[in-house]
């Protein structure tokens, strides 16, 4: 058996992924992470954590020996950390809100389409019901038939009496 030479440029083989210096990320995964982060920022757990962190920071830097203090009174480093946290939190919260707005818009469109189908179904059923009512009104009822037969019998009896 002769071995055939494999052609790497053939359409039978997938191309190798090209390497790039640009960082790659999954926007959907990043979006899901930002939503989790935004949800965490809106919890009492986060507020308690941040409060305990800030209280510990301030207490340590007031009461620790001078050689162990890492942020003196105006707490510049603490301010920098809190500003950094806020500068990252705001865009992540906005990203999470945008994703929620997209989901709400899609849900609204689906609700509107379902409502339109329900209205069309309701209108169809109303037309069918009106048609059935019209048809029922044209159908002879038992009482109407009895009264008509009674009238016909009376007419026949009167004609027979007149002939005799």
N, C-alpha and C. Protein backbone atom coordinates (compact mmCIF):
# COMPACT_ATOMS: atom_id res chain seq x y z
N UNK A 1 0.84 -1.18 0.00
CA UNK A 1 0.00 0.00 0.00
C UNK A 1 0.88 1.24 0.00
N UNK A 2 0.57 2.07 -0.89
CA UNK A 2 1.35 3.31 -0.98
C UNK A 2 0.71 4.37 -0.09
N UNK A 3 1.56 5.03 0.64
CA UNK A 3 1.06 6.12 1.49
C UNK A 3 0.94 7.38 0.65
N UNK A 4 -0.23 7.99 0.74
CA UNK A 4 -0.43 9.23 0.01
C UNK A 4 0.09 10.38 0.84
N UNK A 5 0.61 11.35 0.16
CA UNK A 5 1.12 12.53 0.85
C UNK A 5 -0.06 13.39 1.27
N UNK A 6 -0.11 13.74 2.55
CA UNK A 6 -1.20 14.56 3.06
C UNK A 6 -0.99 16.01 2.66
N UNK A 7 -2.02 16.59 2.08
CA UNK A 7 -1.95 17.99 1.69
C UNK A 7 -2.58 18.82 2.79
N UNK A 8 -1.80 19.57 3.51
CA UNK A 8 -2.28 20.37 4.64
C UNK A 8 -3.19 21.51 4.18
N UNK A 9 -3.09 21.91 2.92
CA UNK A 9 -3.92 22.99 2.41
C UNK A 9 -5.26 22.50 1.91
N UNK A 10 -5.48 21.21 1.97
CA UNK A 10 -6.72 20.63 1.50
C UNK A 10 -7.87 21.08 2.41
N UNK A 11 -9.06 21.11 1.85
CA UNK A 11 -10.23 21.50 2.64
C UNK A 11 -10.68 20.40 3.59
N UNK A 12 -10.04 19.23 3.47
CA UNK A 12 -10.40 18.12 4.35
C UNK A 12 -9.86 18.30 5.76
N UNK A 13 -8.89 19.17 5.92
CA UNK A 13 -8.26 19.37 7.22
C UNK A 13 -8.50 20.79 7.73
N UNK A 14 -8.85 20.93 8.99
CA UNK A 14 -9.04 22.29 9.52
C UNK A 14 -7.70 23.01 9.63
N UNK A 15 -7.76 24.31 9.48
CA UNK A 15 -6.55 25.10 9.63
C UNK A 15 -6.17 25.20 11.09
N UNK A 16 -4.89 25.31 11.31
CA UNK A 16 -4.43 25.51 12.68
C UNK A 16 -4.78 26.92 13.11
N UNK A 17 -5.05 27.06 14.39
CA UNK A 17 -5.36 28.38 14.90
C UNK A 17 -4.13 29.26 14.78
N UNK A 18 -4.34 30.46 14.31
CA UNK A 18 -3.21 31.38 14.18
C UNK A 18 -2.97 32.04 15.53
N UNK A 19 -1.74 32.15 15.83
CA UNK A 19 -1.39 32.76 17.11
C UNK A 19 -1.33 34.26 16.94
N UNK A 20 -1.78 34.93 17.99
CA UNK A 20 -1.81 36.38 17.96
C UNK A 20 -1.29 36.90 19.28
N UNK A 21 -0.75 38.08 19.23
CA UNK A 21 -0.26 38.70 20.46
C UNK A 21 -1.40 39.38 21.23
N UNK A 22 -2.53 39.55 20.56
CA UNK A 22 -3.68 40.17 21.23
C UNK A 22 -4.28 39.18 22.22
N UNK A 23 -4.65 39.68 23.38
CA UNK A 23 -5.31 38.76 24.33
C UNK A 23 -6.70 38.40 23.81
N UNK A 24 -7.06 37.16 23.98
CA UNK A 24 -8.40 36.75 23.56
C UNK A 24 -9.22 36.43 24.80
N UNK A 25 -10.49 36.71 24.72
CA UNK A 25 -11.40 36.44 25.83
C UNK A 25 -12.77 36.14 25.26
N UNK A 26 -13.54 35.44 26.04
CA UNK A 26 -14.90 35.12 25.66
C UNK A 26 -15.81 36.21 26.21
N UNK A 27 -16.40 37.04 25.35
CA UNK A 27 -17.22 38.14 25.86
C UNK A 27 -18.43 37.66 26.66
N UNK A 28 -18.95 36.50 26.29
CA UNK A 28 -20.11 35.98 27.03
C UNK A 28 -19.71 35.57 28.44
N UNK A 29 -18.57 34.91 28.57
CA UNK A 29 -18.08 34.51 29.89
C UNK A 29 -17.77 35.75 30.73
N UNK A 30 -17.15 36.75 30.11
CA UNK A 30 -16.85 37.98 30.82
C UNK A 30 -18.13 38.69 31.26
N UNK A 31 -19.14 38.67 30.40
CA UNK A 31 -20.43 39.27 30.74
C UNK A 31 -21.09 38.56 31.91
N UNK A 32 -21.05 37.22 31.89
CA UNK A 32 -21.62 36.46 33.01
C UNK A 32 -20.88 36.78 34.31
N UNK A 33 -19.55 36.88 34.23
CA UNK A 33 -18.77 37.21 35.42
C UNK A 33 -19.12 38.61 35.91
N UNK A 34 -19.29 39.56 34.99
CA UNK A 34 -19.62 40.93 35.42
C UNK A 34 -20.99 40.97 36.09
N UNK A 35 -21.93 40.15 35.62
CA UNK A 35 -23.24 40.10 36.28
C UNK A 35 -23.13 39.53 37.69
N UNK A 36 -22.32 38.49 37.85
CA UNK A 36 -22.12 37.93 39.20
C UNK A 36 -21.47 38.96 40.11
N UNK A 37 -20.48 39.67 39.59
CA UNK A 37 -19.79 40.69 40.38
C UNK A 37 -20.76 41.81 40.76
N UNK A 38 -21.57 42.25 39.80
CA UNK A 38 -22.54 43.34 40.07
C UNK A 38 -23.56 42.89 41.11
N UNK A 39 -24.00 41.63 41.02
CA UNK A 39 -24.93 41.12 42.02
C UNK A 39 -24.28 41.09 43.40
N UNK A 40 -23.00 40.70 43.46
CA UNK A 40 -22.29 40.67 44.74
C UNK A 40 -22.15 42.07 45.32
N UNK A 41 -21.88 43.07 44.46
CA UNK A 41 -21.74 44.45 44.95
C UNK A 41 -23.04 44.97 45.55
N UNK A 42 -24.14 44.41 45.15
CA UNK A 42 -25.44 44.88 45.65
C UNK A 42 -25.94 44.10 46.86
N UNK A 43 -25.06 43.38 47.54
CA UNK A 43 -25.50 42.58 48.68
C UNK A 43 -25.04 43.20 49.99
N UNK A 44 -25.73 42.81 51.05
CA UNK A 44 -25.33 43.24 52.38
C UNK A 44 -23.98 42.63 52.74
N UNK A 45 -23.71 41.45 52.24
CA UNK A 45 -22.43 40.77 52.50
C UNK A 45 -21.26 41.64 52.05
N UNK A 46 -21.38 42.22 50.85
CA UNK A 46 -20.33 43.10 50.35
C UNK A 46 -20.18 44.34 51.23
N UNK A 47 -21.30 44.94 51.60
CA UNK A 47 -21.24 46.13 52.44
C UNK A 47 -20.59 45.83 53.79
N UNK A 48 -20.94 44.70 54.38
CA UNK A 48 -20.33 44.32 55.66
C UNK A 48 -18.84 44.08 55.45
N UNK A 49 -18.48 43.37 54.39
CA UNK A 49 -17.08 43.09 54.10
C UNK A 49 -16.30 44.40 53.95
N UNK A 50 -16.81 45.31 53.15
CA UNK A 50 -16.09 46.59 52.94
C UNK A 50 -16.02 47.40 54.23
N UNK A 51 -17.07 47.39 55.01
CA UNK A 51 -17.06 48.13 56.28
C UNK A 51 -16.02 47.55 57.22
N UNK A 52 -15.98 46.24 57.35
CA UNK A 52 -14.99 45.59 58.21
C UNK A 52 -13.59 45.87 57.69
N UNK A 53 -13.40 45.81 56.38
CA UNK A 53 -12.09 46.08 55.78
C UNK A 53 -11.62 47.49 56.09
N UNK A 54 -12.49 48.48 55.89
CA UNK A 54 -12.12 49.88 56.13
C UNK A 54 -11.87 50.12 57.62
N UNK A 55 -12.72 49.58 58.48
CA UNK A 55 -12.52 49.74 59.92
C UNK A 55 -11.21 49.11 60.35
N UNK A 56 -10.90 47.91 59.85
CA UNK A 56 -9.64 47.26 60.18
C UNK A 56 -8.46 48.11 59.70
N UNK A 57 -8.56 48.60 58.46
CA UNK A 57 -7.49 49.42 57.88
C UNK A 57 -7.21 50.64 58.75
N UNK A 58 -8.27 51.37 59.07
CA UNK A 58 -8.10 52.59 59.86
C UNK A 58 -7.60 52.26 61.26
N UNK A 59 -8.17 51.24 61.90
CA UNK A 59 -7.76 50.86 63.25
C UNK A 59 -6.29 50.44 63.26
N UNK A 60 -5.90 49.63 62.30
CA UNK A 60 -4.51 49.16 62.24
C UNK A 60 -3.56 50.33 62.07
N UNK A 61 -3.88 51.25 61.17
CA UNK A 61 -2.98 52.35 60.89
C UNK A 61 -3.00 53.44 61.96
N UNK A 62 -3.95 53.41 62.86
CA UNK A 62 -3.92 54.31 64.02
C UNK A 62 -3.21 53.65 65.20
N UNK A 63 -3.47 52.37 65.44
CA UNK A 63 -3.02 51.75 66.68
C UNK A 63 -1.76 50.89 66.55
N UNK A 64 -1.34 50.54 65.36
CA UNK A 64 -0.16 49.69 65.19
C UNK A 64 1.11 50.49 65.50
N UNK A 65 2.19 49.79 65.83
CA UNK A 65 3.47 50.49 66.02
C UNK A 65 3.89 51.18 64.72
N UNK A 66 4.68 52.22 64.86
CA UNK A 66 5.05 53.04 63.69
C UNK A 66 5.72 52.22 62.59
N UNK A 67 6.51 51.24 62.95
CA UNK A 67 7.21 50.47 61.92
C UNK A 67 6.28 49.51 61.17
N UNK A 68 5.05 49.22 61.70
CA UNK A 68 4.09 48.34 61.03
C UNK A 68 2.97 49.09 60.32
N UNK A 69 2.90 50.39 60.51
CA UNK A 69 1.89 51.19 59.80
C UNK A 69 2.29 51.30 58.34
N UNK A 70 1.34 51.11 57.43
CA UNK A 70 1.64 51.20 56.00
C UNK A 70 0.85 52.31 55.31
N UNK A 71 -0.04 52.98 56.05
CA UNK A 71 -0.83 54.08 55.46
C UNK A 71 -1.14 55.07 56.57
N UNK A 72 -0.43 56.17 56.60
CA UNK A 72 -0.61 57.16 57.68
C UNK A 72 -1.94 57.89 57.55
N UNK A 73 -2.25 58.76 58.49
CA UNK A 73 -3.57 59.34 58.71
C UNK A 73 -4.37 59.75 57.48
N UNK A 74 -3.90 60.50 56.55
CA UNK A 74 -4.88 60.85 55.50
C UNK A 74 -5.33 59.64 54.69
N UNK A 75 -4.70 58.49 54.95
CA UNK A 75 -5.08 57.21 54.32
C UNK A 75 -5.16 57.33 52.79
N UNK A 76 -4.08 57.80 52.24
CA UNK A 76 -4.00 57.99 50.78
C UNK A 76 -4.12 56.64 50.07
N UNK A 77 -3.44 55.62 50.57
CA UNK A 77 -3.47 54.31 49.91
C UNK A 77 -4.87 53.70 49.97
N UNK A 78 -5.55 53.85 51.11
CA UNK A 78 -6.93 53.36 51.22
C UNK A 78 -7.83 54.08 50.22
N UNK A 79 -7.67 55.38 50.12
CA UNK A 79 -8.46 56.16 49.15
C UNK A 79 -8.18 55.68 47.73
N UNK A 80 -6.91 55.40 47.43
CA UNK A 80 -6.55 54.90 46.11
C UNK A 80 -7.21 53.54 45.84
N UNK A 81 -7.16 52.64 46.82
CA UNK A 81 -7.79 51.32 46.65
C UNK A 81 -9.29 51.44 46.44
N UNK A 82 -9.94 52.27 47.24
CA UNK A 82 -11.40 52.43 47.10
C UNK A 82 -11.75 53.08 45.76
N UNK A 83 -10.94 54.02 45.32
CA UNK A 83 -11.18 54.64 44.00
C UNK A 83 -10.97 53.64 42.88
N UNK A 84 -9.95 52.82 43.01
CA UNK A 84 -9.70 51.79 42.01
C UNK A 84 -10.85 50.79 41.96
N UNK A 85 -11.32 50.38 43.13
CA UNK A 85 -12.46 49.45 43.18
C UNK A 85 -13.69 50.09 42.53
N UNK A 86 -13.94 51.35 42.81
CA UNK A 86 -15.10 52.04 42.23
C UNK A 86 -14.94 52.21 40.72
N UNK A 87 -13.71 52.48 40.27
CA UNK A 87 -13.50 52.70 38.83
C UNK A 87 -13.70 51.41 38.04
N UNK A 88 -13.48 50.25 38.64
CA UNK A 88 -13.75 48.99 37.97
C UNK A 88 -15.20 48.55 38.18
N UNK A 89 -15.76 48.86 39.32
CA UNK A 89 -17.12 48.41 39.62
C UNK A 89 -18.14 49.10 38.71
N UNK A 90 -17.98 50.38 38.48
CA UNK A 90 -18.97 51.13 37.69
C UNK A 90 -19.13 50.56 36.28
N UNK A 91 -18.04 50.36 35.51
CA UNK A 91 -18.24 49.78 34.17
C UNK A 91 -18.78 48.35 34.21
N UNK A 92 -18.37 47.58 35.20
CA UNK A 92 -18.89 46.21 35.29
C UNK A 92 -20.38 46.22 35.58
N UNK A 93 -20.82 47.13 36.44
CA UNK A 93 -22.25 47.25 36.72
C UNK A 93 -23.00 47.69 35.47
N UNK A 94 -22.43 48.64 34.74
CA UNK A 94 -23.07 49.09 33.49
C UNK A 94 -23.15 47.95 32.47
N UNK A 95 -22.10 47.16 32.37
CA UNK A 95 -22.12 46.01 31.47
C UNK A 95 -23.22 45.03 31.87
N UNK A 96 -23.33 44.76 33.15
CA UNK A 96 -24.38 43.86 33.63
C UNK A 96 -25.76 44.44 33.33
N UNK A 97 -25.92 45.76 33.52
CA UNK A 97 -27.22 46.39 33.23
C UNK A 97 -27.54 46.34 31.74
N UNK A 98 -26.54 46.51 30.90
CA UNK A 98 -26.76 46.43 29.46
C UNK A 98 -27.19 45.02 29.05
N UNK A 99 -26.55 44.03 29.64
CA UNK A 99 -26.94 42.64 29.33
C UNK A 99 -28.36 42.37 29.80
N UNK A 100 -28.72 42.90 30.98
CA UNK A 100 -30.09 42.72 31.47
C UNK A 100 -31.08 43.46 30.58
N UNK A 101 -30.71 44.64 30.11
CA UNK A 101 -31.59 45.39 29.20
C UNK A 101 -31.79 44.62 27.90
N UNK A 102 -30.73 43.99 27.40
CA UNK A 102 -30.86 43.17 26.18
C UNK A 102 -31.81 42.01 26.42
N UNK A 103 -31.65 41.33 27.57
CA UNK A 103 -32.55 40.21 27.88
C UNK A 103 -33.99 40.71 28.03
N UNK A 104 -34.17 41.86 28.67
CA UNK A 104 -35.52 42.41 28.84
C UNK A 104 -36.14 42.76 27.49
N UNK A 105 -35.32 43.32 26.58
CA UNK A 105 -35.84 43.68 25.26
C UNK A 105 -36.26 42.42 24.50
N UNK A 106 -35.45 41.38 24.55
CA UNK A 106 -35.80 40.12 23.88
C UNK A 106 -37.06 39.52 24.50
N UNK A 107 -37.13 39.53 25.83
CA UNK A 107 -38.31 39.00 26.52
C UNK A 107 -39.55 39.82 26.15
N UNK A 108 -39.39 41.14 26.06
CA UNK A 108 -40.51 42.00 25.66
C UNK A 108 -40.99 41.68 24.26
N UNK A 109 -40.04 41.47 23.34
CA UNK A 109 -40.42 41.11 21.96
C UNK A 109 -41.15 39.77 21.93
N UNK A 110 -40.65 38.80 22.70
CA UNK A 110 -41.32 37.49 22.75
C UNK A 110 -42.71 37.62 23.37
N UNK A 111 -42.84 38.43 24.41
CA UNK A 111 -44.15 38.65 25.02
C UNK A 111 -45.11 39.31 24.04
N UNK A 112 -44.60 40.30 23.29
CA UNK A 112 -45.44 40.99 22.31
C UNK A 112 -45.91 40.03 21.23
N UNK A 113 -45.00 39.17 20.74
CA UNK A 113 -45.38 38.19 19.72
C UNK A 113 -46.41 37.21 20.27
N UNK A 114 -46.22 36.76 21.51
CA UNK A 114 -47.17 35.83 22.12
C UNK A 114 -48.53 36.52 22.29
N UNK A 115 -48.51 37.79 22.71
CA UNK A 115 -49.78 38.53 22.85
C UNK A 115 -50.49 38.68 21.52
N UNK A 116 -49.72 38.94 20.45
CA UNK A 116 -50.33 39.06 19.12
C UNK A 116 -50.96 37.73 18.70
N UNK A 117 -50.27 36.62 18.97
CA UNK A 117 -50.85 35.30 18.64
C UNK A 117 -52.11 35.06 19.47
N UNK A 118 -52.08 35.41 20.74
CA UNK A 118 -53.26 35.23 21.60
C UNK A 118 -54.43 36.07 21.11
N UNK A 119 -54.15 37.30 20.69
CA UNK A 119 -55.22 38.17 20.18
C UNK A 119 -55.80 37.57 18.89
N UNK A 120 -54.91 37.09 18.01
CA UNK A 120 -55.39 36.48 16.76
C UNK A 120 -56.23 35.23 17.07
N UNK A 121 -55.78 34.42 18.02
CA UNK A 121 -56.55 33.23 18.40
C UNK A 121 -57.89 33.62 18.99
N UNK A 122 -57.89 34.64 19.84
CA UNK A 122 -59.14 35.09 20.46
C UNK A 122 -60.11 35.63 19.42
N UNK A 123 -59.59 36.42 18.46
CA UNK A 123 -60.45 36.93 17.40
C UNK A 123 -61.02 35.79 16.55
N UNK A 124 -60.21 34.80 16.25
CA UNK A 124 -60.68 33.64 15.48
C UNK A 124 -61.78 32.91 16.25
N UNK A 125 -61.54 32.67 17.55
CA UNK A 125 -62.56 31.98 18.35
C UNK A 125 -63.84 32.81 18.46
N UNK A 126 -63.71 34.13 18.56
CA UNK A 126 -64.90 34.98 18.63
C UNK A 126 -65.70 34.89 17.32
N UNK A 127 -64.99 34.89 16.18
CA UNK A 127 -65.69 34.75 14.89
C UNK A 127 -66.37 33.39 14.80
N UNK A 128 -65.69 32.34 15.24
CA UNK A 128 -66.29 31.00 15.21
C UNK A 128 -67.51 30.93 16.12
N UNK A 129 -67.42 31.52 17.29
CA UNK A 129 -68.55 31.53 18.23
C UNK A 129 -69.73 32.29 17.64
N UNK A 130 -69.45 33.44 17.01
CA UNK A 130 -70.53 34.20 16.36
C UNK A 130 -71.15 33.39 15.24
N UNK A 131 -70.34 32.69 14.47
CA UNK A 131 -70.87 31.84 13.40
C UNK A 131 -71.74 30.73 13.97
N UNK A 132 -71.31 30.11 15.06
CA UNK A 132 -72.11 29.05 15.69
C UNK A 132 -73.43 29.61 16.21
N UNK A 133 -73.38 30.79 16.81
CA UNK A 133 -74.63 31.39 17.31
C UNK A 133 -75.59 31.66 16.17
N UNK A 134 -75.05 32.16 15.07
CA UNK A 134 -75.90 32.42 13.90
C UNK A 134 -76.49 31.11 13.40
N UNK A 135 -75.67 30.09 13.33
CA UNK A 135 -76.14 28.78 12.87
C UNK A 135 -77.19 28.21 13.81
N UNK A 136 -77.00 28.36 15.10
CA UNK A 136 -77.96 27.84 16.08
C UNK A 136 -79.29 28.57 15.97
N UNK A 137 -79.23 29.87 15.69
CA UNK A 137 -80.48 30.62 15.53
C UNK A 137 -81.26 30.15 14.32
N UNK A 138 -80.58 29.65 13.30
CA UNK A 138 -81.26 29.17 12.11
C UNK A 138 -81.77 27.74 12.28
N UNK A 139 -81.29 27.03 13.26
CA UNK A 139 -81.73 25.65 13.50
C UNK A 139 -83.08 25.68 14.22
N UNK A 140 -83.94 24.78 13.79
CA UNK A 140 -85.25 24.70 14.40
C UNK A 140 -85.13 24.07 15.77
N UNK A 141 -85.72 24.76 16.75
CA UNK A 141 -85.69 24.21 18.10
C UNK A 141 -86.88 23.27 18.28
N UNK A 142 -86.84 22.46 19.29
CA UNK A 142 -87.90 21.50 19.57
C UNK A 142 -89.23 22.22 19.83
N UNK A 143 -89.20 23.27 20.64
CA UNK A 143 -90.44 24.00 20.94
C UNK A 143 -91.02 24.65 19.68
N UNK A 144 -90.16 25.23 18.87
CA UNK A 144 -90.63 25.86 17.64
C UNK A 144 -91.24 24.81 16.71
N UNK A 145 -90.59 23.65 16.62
CA UNK A 145 -91.12 22.58 15.77
C UNK A 145 -92.48 22.09 16.28
N UNK A 146 -92.63 21.93 17.58
CA UNK A 146 -93.90 21.50 18.15
C UNK A 146 -95.00 22.53 17.86
N UNK A 147 -94.68 23.80 18.04
CA UNK A 147 -95.71 24.82 17.78
C UNK A 147 -96.10 24.85 16.31
N UNK A 148 -95.14 24.69 15.40
CA UNK A 148 -95.43 24.66 13.97
C UNK A 148 -96.29 23.44 13.63
N UNK A 149 -95.94 22.26 14.20
CA UNK A 149 -96.73 21.05 13.95
C UNK A 149 -98.15 21.21 14.49
N UNK A 150 -98.26 21.81 15.68
CA UNK A 150 -99.60 22.03 16.26
C UNK A 150 -100.42 22.94 15.35
N UNK A 151 -99.78 24.00 14.84
CA UNK A 151 -100.49 24.91 13.93
C UNK A 151 -100.91 24.18 12.65
N UNK A 152 -100.03 23.35 12.12
CA UNK A 152 -100.35 22.62 10.89
C UNK A 152 -101.49 21.63 11.12
N UNK A 153 -101.48 20.95 12.27
CA UNK A 153 -102.55 20.00 12.58
C UNK A 153 -103.88 20.74 12.71
N UNK A 154 -103.86 21.91 13.36
CA UNK A 154 -105.09 22.70 13.50
C UNK A 154 -105.62 23.12 12.13
N UNK A 155 -104.72 23.53 11.22
CA UNK A 155 -105.16 23.93 9.88
C UNK A 155 -105.78 22.73 9.14
N UNK A 156 -105.15 21.57 9.27
CA UNK A 156 -105.67 20.37 8.59
C UNK A 156 -107.04 20.00 9.17
N UNK A 157 -107.16 20.07 10.48
CA UNK A 157 -108.43 19.72 11.11
C UNK A 157 -109.51 20.71 10.66
N UNK A 158 -109.22 21.98 10.56
CA UNK A 158 -110.21 22.98 10.13
C UNK A 158 -110.61 22.74 8.67
N UNK A 159 -109.64 22.38 7.81
CA UNK A 159 -109.95 22.13 6.41
C UNK A 159 -110.84 20.89 6.29
N UNK A 160 -110.57 19.88 7.11
CA UNK A 160 -111.38 18.66 7.08
C UNK A 160 -112.81 18.97 7.55
N UNK A 161 -112.95 19.80 8.53
CA UNK A 161 -114.28 20.17 9.03
C UNK A 161 -115.06 20.92 7.99
N UNK A 162 -114.36 21.77 7.24
CA UNK A 162 -115.04 22.55 6.22
C UNK A 162 -115.48 21.66 5.06
N UNK A 163 -114.72 20.65 4.76
CA UNK A 163 -115.06 19.74 3.66
C UNK A 163 -116.25 18.87 4.05
N UNK A 164 -116.36 18.50 5.24
CA UNK A 164 -117.43 17.61 5.67
C UNK A 164 -118.62 18.41 5.96
